[in-house]
Amino acid sequence: MNKGFTIIEALIAILITSFITISIAALITIFGTKITDRILLSCLVEGATSGIEACKGGQIINQITCAGLTINISINGDCQPALNTCSDITVTASAKGKNFNLTDKVCNFQ
């Protein structure tokens, strides 16, 4: 009887190890992409919220920096409506080809 591995057994072991290694590398890549997308979405939400809050405070902001990303902000609507009226505003935050819209009301009751 021969003791040890045959060439076929060695090749099968290498094949199984390669499959496991490639699967783990693919999972790490997928998780990295998902985390990056989540960070971008979080920053877009923060940008849109900041735009609305600035508008309610009578200011307009065009950009914020979040997690090293520059988030561009555009505001549609009147941030300073006439006395005793309200205005609908929509803020769009965008970066890396993705957009997030947030709509709110700004009122002037003094």
Protein backbone atom coordinates (compact mmCIF):
# COMPACT_ATOMS: atom_id res chain seq x y z
CA MET A 1 0.00 0.00 0.00
CA ASN A 2 1.10 3.49 -0.81
CA LYS A 3 1.03 6.11 1.87
CA GLY A 4 0.53 9.81 1.18
CA PHE A 5 -1.50 11.83 -1.28
CA THR A 6 -1.99 11.01 -4.90
CA ILE A 7 -1.78 13.80 -7.46
CA ILE A 8 -5.58 13.72 -7.87
CA GLU A 9 -6.14 14.17 -4.12
CA ALA A 10 -3.69 17.07 -4.07
CA LEU A 11 -5.41 18.75 -7.04
CA ILE A 12 -8.84 18.34 -5.42
CA ALA A 13 -7.53 19.85 -2.17
CA ILE A 14 -6.08 22.81 -4.11
CA LEU A 15 -9.38 23.24 -5.98
CA ILE A 16 -11.43 23.27 -2.77
CA THR A 17 -9.02 25.70 -1.07
CA SER A 18 -9.11 27.99 -4.12
CA PHE A 19 -12.91 27.95 -4.17
CA ILE A 20 -13.11 28.88 -0.49
CA THR A 21 -10.51 31.64 -0.89
CA ILE A 22 -12.27 33.17 -3.91
CA SER A 23 -15.64 33.02 -2.10
CA ILE A 24 -14.26 34.82 0.94
CA ALA A 25 -12.61 37.49 -1.25
CA ALA A 26 -15.91 38.02 -3.10
CA LEU A 27 -17.82 38.43 0.18
CA ILE A 28 -15.31 40.98 1.45
CA THR A 29 -15.66 42.95 -1.78
CA ILE A 30 -19.47 42.87 -1.63
CA PHE A 31 -19.50 44.00 2.01
CA GLY A 32 -17.05 46.81 1.21
CA THR A 33 -19.29 48.04 -1.62
CA LYS A 34 -22.41 47.90 0.55
CA ILE A 35 -20.70 49.84 3.35
CA THR A 36 -19.56 52.51 0.88
CA ASP A 37 -23.14 52.82 -0.48
CA ARG A 38 -24.51 53.13 3.07
CA ILE A 39 -22.02 55.86 3.94
CA LEU A 40 -22.94 57.75 0.77
CA LEU A 41 -26.68 57.46 1.51
CA SER A 42 -26.13 58.63 5.08
CA CYS A 43 -24.18 61.65 3.83
CA LEU A 44 -26.87 62.48 1.26
CA VAL A 45 -29.54 62.41 3.97
CA GLU A 46 -27.35 64.60 6.19
CA GLY A 47 -26.82 67.03 3.31
CA ALA A 48 -30.53 67.32 2.52
CA THR A 49 -31.39 67.77 6.20
CA SER A 50 -28.69 70.41 6.60
CA GLY A 51 -30.05 72.23 3.55
CA ILE A 52 -33.56 72.33 5.00
CA GLU A 53 -32.35 73.47 8.42
CA ALA A 54 -30.20 76.20 6.86
CA CYS A 55 -33.16 77.33 4.75
CA LYS A 56 -35.39 77.50 7.84
CA GLY A 57 -32.69 79.61 9.49
CA GLY A 58 -32.67 82.03 6.57
CA GLN A 59 -29.42 80.80 5.03
CA ILE A 60 -28.63 78.84 1.90
CA ILE A 61 -25.82 76.31 1.73
CA ASN A 62 -24.50 74.80 -1.48
CA GLN A 63 -22.17 72.11 -0.16
CA ILE A 64 -21.20 70.14 2.89
CA THR A 65 -18.37 67.70 3.48
CA CYS A 66 -19.26 64.34 4.95
CA ALA A 67 -16.95 61.34 5.35
CA GLY A 68 -14.51 62.91 2.92
CA LEU A 69 -17.23 63.38 0.28
CA THR A 70 -18.40 66.71 -1.08
CA ILE A 71 -22.20 66.73 -1.05
CA ASN A 72 -23.78 69.28 -3.41
CA ILE A 73 -27.03 70.80 -2.21
CA SER A 74 -29.68 72.56 -4.28
CA ILE A 75 -32.82 74.14 -2.84
CA ASN A 76 -36.06 74.66 -4.76
CA GLY A 77 -38.63 76.88 -3.10
CA ASP A 78 -38.77 80.10 -1.13
CA CYS A 79 -36.72 80.00 2.07
CA GLN A 80 -38.23 83.31 3.19
CA PRO A 81 -41.95 83.28 2.40
CA ALA A 82 -44.14 86.35 2.87
CA LEU A 83 -45.44 87.13 6.35
CA ASN A 84 -48.04 84.64 7.64
CA THR A 85 -47.49 82.22 4.76
CA CYS A 86 -45.70 78.94 4.19
CA SER A 87 -43.61 77.72 1.31
CA ASP A 88 -42.84 74.17 0.22
CA ILE A 89 -39.13 73.58 -0.28
CA THR A 90 -37.39 70.61 -1.82
CA VAL A 91 -33.72 70.05 -1.15
CA THR A 92 -31.69 67.76 -3.40
CA ALA A 93 -28.39 66.44 -2.12
CA SER A 94 -26.14 64.79 -4.71
CA ALA A 95 -22.74 63.13 -4.91
CA LYS A 96 -21.15 60.40 -7.02
CA GLY A 97 -24.14 60.25 -9.38
CA LYS A 98 -26.65 59.59 -6.59
CA ASN A 99 -29.38 61.97 -5.41
CA PHE A 100 -31.57 62.25 -2.34
CA ASN A 101 -34.61 64.58 -2.17
CA LEU A 102 -36.24 65.89 0.97
CA THR A 103 -39.35 68.11 1.05
CA ASP A 104 -40.52 70.29 3.94
CA LYS A 105 -42.40 73.51 4.67
CA VAL A 106 -40.91 76.80 5.72
CA CYS A 107 -43.33 79.18 7.41
CA ASN A 108 -43.06 82.84 8.39
CA PHE A 109 -45.31 83.60 11.37
CA GLN A 110 -43.86 86.55 13.20
